[in-house]
Amino acid sequence: MTSPRDFTSPDDFSDVTLHVEDTLLYVHRETLATWVGAWRTQLVSESACAQDGRTELHVTDRKLEEIVELLRAIYPEQRAVSGRIYFSLYLIIAQCTSFISMWLFSLGSIRK
């Protein structure tokens, strides 16, 4: 079993900081914009962007526990992928790549 995601520590792709009560939560613009329509407008507006490209949103109408519960609902659990599943995914990707290459080649030969 995996432990719940810790939103109080940024990861390499965190580009939004939520200020909730006295806590900073580090999340991702695309994830929030996809799942939370109320924040979508704020996230795409330039006025919300800081100089370093990160966005800061101040949440004053919800409690920290409510926001963390929402984030845990929209973010998937982080689980390690076993070697067997990885190999299956690799085969699927290889087949897709082969199909796309053949399809693109056929488009090229049709246009000539």
Foldseek 3Di string as FASTA:
>chain_A
DADQDDQQDEDPAFQEWECAPNGTGTDHLVLCLVPPVVCVVVSPDPVQADPVRGGYHYDDPDHPVVVSVVVSVSDDTDDDDDPVVVVVVVVVVVVVVVVVVVVVVVVVVVVD
